[in-house]
Amino acid sequence: MLNGTNGTHTMTSVAEPTSDAIAKRAYELYLQRGSVPGFELDDWLQAEAELFAVASVKKAEAPSKTPRNSRNNR
């Protein structure tokens, strides 16, 4: 991931949700609603919001792994 403030790369072990994960969660929401059609976008947006929120919390809790520049280690 590129850090916008100084252009350095910051690596984290927490990945953002994939389209497949969002689709799976949206389908689960569809089933929970009784398989009623017509709410596909609502299901997708809710699934996306849920999964990105979880990823955000995990990213905040995960220790950041910033590669060290060899010039800074002298």
N, C-alpha and C. Protein backbone atom coordinates (compact mmCIF):
# COMPACT_ATOMS: atom_id res chain seq x y z
N MET A 1 0.85 -1.17 0.00
CA MET A 1 0.00 0.00 0.00
C MET A 1 0.89 1.22 0.00
N LEU A 2 0.54 2.23 -0.75
CA LEU A 2 1.33 3.45 -0.83
C LEU A 2 0.80 4.46 0.14
N ASN A 3 1.65 4.96 0.99
CA ASN A 3 1.28 5.98 1.96
C ASN A 3 1.30 7.32 1.25
N GLY A 4 0.16 8.01 1.24
CA GLY A 4 0.03 9.25 0.49
C GLY A 4 0.81 10.42 1.04
N THR A 5 1.24 10.39 2.30
CA THR A 5 1.89 11.55 2.89
C THR A 5 3.34 11.71 2.47
N ASN A 6 4.07 10.61 2.40
CA ASN A 6 5.48 10.75 2.05
C ASN A 6 5.94 9.78 0.97
N GLY A 7 5.00 9.05 0.36
CA GLY A 7 5.35 8.18 -0.75
C GLY A 7 6.00 6.87 -0.35
N THR A 8 6.05 6.55 0.93
CA THR A 8 6.65 5.29 1.35
C THR A 8 5.62 4.18 1.27
N HIS A 9 6.10 2.98 1.16
CA HIS A 9 5.21 1.82 1.10
C HIS A 9 5.02 1.26 2.50
N THR A 10 3.76 0.99 2.85
CA THR A 10 3.44 0.38 4.13
C THR A 10 2.75 -0.94 3.84
N MET A 11 3.26 -2.03 4.39
CA MET A 11 2.68 -3.34 4.16
C MET A 11 1.86 -3.74 5.37
N THR A 12 0.66 -4.24 5.14
CA THR A 12 -0.15 -4.77 6.22
C THR A 12 -0.60 -6.16 5.83
N SER A 13 -0.94 -6.97 6.82
CA SER A 13 -1.36 -8.34 6.55
C SER A 13 -2.87 -8.43 6.34
N VAL A 14 -3.58 -7.32 6.44
CA VAL A 14 -5.04 -7.30 6.30
C VAL A 14 -5.39 -6.82 4.90
N ALA A 15 -6.08 -7.68 4.15
CA ALA A 15 -6.47 -7.34 2.79
C ALA A 15 -7.88 -6.77 2.76
N GLU A 16 -8.13 -5.92 1.79
CA GLU A 16 -9.49 -5.42 1.60
C GLU A 16 -10.34 -6.53 1.01
N PRO A 17 -11.64 -6.48 1.23
CA PRO A 17 -12.52 -7.54 0.73
C PRO A 17 -12.52 -7.61 -0.80
N THR A 18 -12.58 -8.81 -1.32
CA THR A 18 -12.64 -9.02 -2.76
C THR A 18 -14.08 -8.95 -3.24
N SER A 19 -14.26 -8.82 -4.53
CA SER A 19 -15.60 -8.84 -5.11
C SER A 19 -16.31 -10.16 -4.81
N ASP A 20 -15.55 -11.24 -4.81
CA ASP A 20 -16.13 -12.55 -4.50
C ASP A 20 -16.65 -12.60 -3.06
N ALA A 21 -15.89 -12.03 -2.13
CA ALA A 21 -16.33 -12.02 -0.73
C ALA A 21 -17.57 -11.15 -0.56
N ILE A 22 -17.61 -10.03 -1.26
CA ILE A 22 -18.77 -9.15 -1.19
C ILE A 22 -19.99 -9.84 -1.79
N ALA A 23 -19.80 -10.51 -2.92
CA ALA A 23 -20.91 -11.23 -3.57
C ALA A 23 -21.43 -12.34 -2.66
N LYS A 24 -20.53 -13.05 -1.99
CA LYS A 24 -20.96 -14.13 -1.09
C LYS A 24 -21.79 -13.56 0.06
N ARG A 25 -21.32 -12.46 0.64
CA ARG A 25 -22.07 -11.85 1.75
C ARG A 25 -23.41 -11.29 1.26
N ALA A 26 -23.43 -10.70 0.07
CA ALA A 26 -24.68 -10.18 -0.49
C ALA A 26 -25.68 -11.31 -0.69
N TYR A 27 -25.20 -12.46 -1.13
CA TYR A 27 -26.08 -13.62 -1.31
C TYR A 27 -26.62 -14.10 0.03
N GLU A 28 -25.77 -14.09 1.05
CA GLU A 28 -26.23 -14.47 2.39
C GLU A 28 -27.35 -13.53 2.86
N LEU A 29 -27.18 -12.23 2.60
CA LEU A 29 -28.21 -11.26 2.98
C LEU A 29 -29.51 -11.52 2.21
N TYR A 30 -29.38 -11.85 0.94
CA TYR A 30 -30.53 -12.19 0.10
C TYR A 30 -31.28 -13.39 0.69
N LEU A 31 -30.55 -14.41 1.09
CA LEU A 31 -31.17 -15.59 1.68
C LEU A 31 -31.84 -15.26 3.02
N GLN A 32 -31.17 -14.43 3.82
CA GLN A 32 -31.72 -14.05 5.12
C GLN A 32 -33.04 -13.27 4.96
N ARG A 33 -33.17 -12.56 3.86
CA ARG A 33 -34.37 -11.78 3.59
C ARG A 33 -35.47 -12.65 2.98
N GLY A 34 -35.24 -13.93 2.85
CA GLY A 34 -36.25 -14.83 2.29
C GLY A 34 -36.19 -14.93 0.78
N SER A 35 -35.05 -14.64 0.19
CA SER A 35 -34.83 -14.74 -1.26
C SER A 35 -35.80 -13.87 -2.07
N VAL A 36 -36.17 -12.73 -1.50
CA VAL A 36 -37.06 -11.80 -2.20
C VAL A 36 -36.21 -11.00 -3.19
N PRO A 37 -36.56 -11.05 -4.50
CA PRO A 37 -35.77 -10.31 -5.49
C PRO A 37 -36.05 -8.81 -5.42
N GLY A 38 -35.16 -8.04 -6.06
CA GLY A 38 -35.37 -6.60 -6.17
C GLY A 38 -34.50 -5.77 -5.24
N PHE A 39 -33.70 -6.40 -4.42
CA PHE A 39 -32.86 -5.68 -3.47
C PHE A 39 -31.38 -5.98 -3.68
N GLU A 40 -31.01 -6.31 -4.91
CA GLU A 40 -29.64 -6.72 -5.20
C GLU A 40 -28.63 -5.62 -4.85
N LEU A 41 -28.94 -4.40 -5.26
CA LEU A 41 -28.02 -3.30 -4.98
C LEU A 41 -27.93 -3.05 -3.47
N ASP A 42 -29.06 -3.08 -2.79
CA ASP A 42 -29.06 -2.90 -1.34
C ASP A 42 -28.21 -3.97 -0.65
N ASP A 43 -28.38 -5.22 -1.08
CA ASP A 43 -27.60 -6.32 -0.51
C ASP A 43 -26.11 -6.12 -0.77
N TRP A 44 -25.77 -5.73 -1.99
CA TRP A 44 -24.36 -5.53 -2.35
C TRP A 44 -23.75 -4.41 -1.51
N LEU A 45 -24.45 -3.29 -1.41
CA LEU A 45 -23.92 -2.15 -0.67
C LEU A 45 -23.79 -2.45 0.82
N GLN A 46 -24.75 -3.18 1.37
CA GLN A 46 -24.65 -3.57 2.77
C GLN A 46 -23.49 -4.52 2.99
N ALA A 47 -23.35 -5.50 2.12
CA ALA A 47 -22.25 -6.45 2.23
C ALA A 47 -20.91 -5.74 2.12
N GLU A 48 -20.81 -4.84 1.17
CA GLU A 48 -19.58 -4.07 0.98
C GLU A 48 -19.25 -3.26 2.23
N ALA A 49 -20.25 -2.57 2.78
CA ALA A 49 -20.04 -1.75 3.97
C ALA A 49 -19.60 -2.61 5.16
N GLU A 50 -20.26 -3.75 5.35
CA GLU A 50 -19.90 -4.64 6.45
C GLU A 50 -18.47 -5.14 6.33
N LEU A 51 -18.11 -5.62 5.15
CA LEU A 51 -16.79 -6.21 4.98
C LEU A 51 -15.67 -5.18 5.02
N PHE A 52 -15.91 -3.99 4.47
CA PHE A 52 -14.90 -2.95 4.55
C PHE A 52 -14.75 -2.44 5.98
N ALA A 53 -15.84 -2.42 6.75
CA ALA A 53 -15.76 -2.03 8.16
C ALA A 53 -14.92 -3.02 8.95
N VAL A 54 -15.15 -4.31 8.71
CA VAL A 54 -14.37 -5.34 9.39
C VAL A 54 -12.89 -5.22 9.01
N ALA A 55 -12.61 -5.02 7.72
CA ALA A 55 -11.22 -4.89 7.27
C ALA A 55 -10.57 -3.66 7.89
N SER A 56 -11.32 -2.58 8.01
CA SER A 56 -10.80 -1.36 8.59
C SER A 56 -10.42 -1.55 10.05
N VAL A 57 -11.27 -2.25 10.79
CA VAL A 57 -10.99 -2.53 12.20
C VAL A 57 -9.76 -3.42 12.32
N LYS A 58 -9.71 -4.46 11.49
CA LYS A 58 -8.56 -5.37 11.53
C LYS A 58 -7.27 -4.64 11.17
N LYS A 59 -7.35 -3.75 10.18
CA LYS A 59 -6.17 -3.00 9.76
C LYS A 59 -5.70 -2.08 10.89
N ALA A 60 -6.65 -1.46 11.61
CA ALA A 60 -6.30 -0.57 12.71
C ALA A 60 -5.67 -1.35 13.86
N GLU A 61 -6.10 -2.59 14.05
CA GLU A 61 -5.58 -3.42 15.13
C GLU A 61 -4.26 -4.08 14.78
N ALA A 62 -4.00 -4.27 13.49
CA ALA A 62 -2.79 -4.97 13.05
C ALA A 62 -1.58 -4.05 13.16
N PRO A 63 -0.45 -4.59 13.62
CA PRO A 63 0.76 -3.78 13.65
C PRO A 63 1.22 -3.50 12.22
N SER A 64 1.61 -2.28 11.97
CA SER A 64 2.07 -1.88 10.65
C SER A 64 3.49 -2.39 10.43
N LYS A 65 3.73 -2.91 9.24
CA LYS A 65 5.07 -3.39 8.88
C LYS A 65 5.61 -2.46 7.80
N THR A 66 6.46 -1.54 8.19
CA THR A 66 7.03 -0.61 7.25
C THR A 66 8.44 -1.07 6.91
N PRO A 67 8.71 -1.31 5.62
CA PRO A 67 10.07 -1.72 5.23
C PRO A 67 11.07 -0.63 5.62
N ARG A 68 12.18 -1.06 6.14
CA ARG A 68 13.19 -0.09 6.56
C ARG A 68 14.10 0.25 5.40
N ASN A 69 14.42 1.50 5.29
CA ASN A 69 15.34 1.98 4.28
C ASN A 69 16.75 1.78 4.81
N SER A 70 17.63 1.18 4.02
CA SER A 70 18.98 0.87 4.49
C SER A 70 19.75 2.12 4.88
N ARG A 71 19.43 3.27 4.28
CA ARG A 71 20.13 4.52 4.65
C ARG A 71 19.77 4.94 6.07
N ASN A 72 18.58 4.59 6.54
CA ASN A 72 18.16 5.00 7.88
C ASN A 72 18.73 4.11 8.97
N ASN A 73 19.33 2.98 8.60
CA ASN A 73 19.84 2.04 9.58
C ASN A 73 21.31 2.24 9.87
N ARG A 74 21.93 3.26 9.34
CA ARG A 74 23.37 3.48 9.54
C ARG A 74 23.65 4.21 10.80
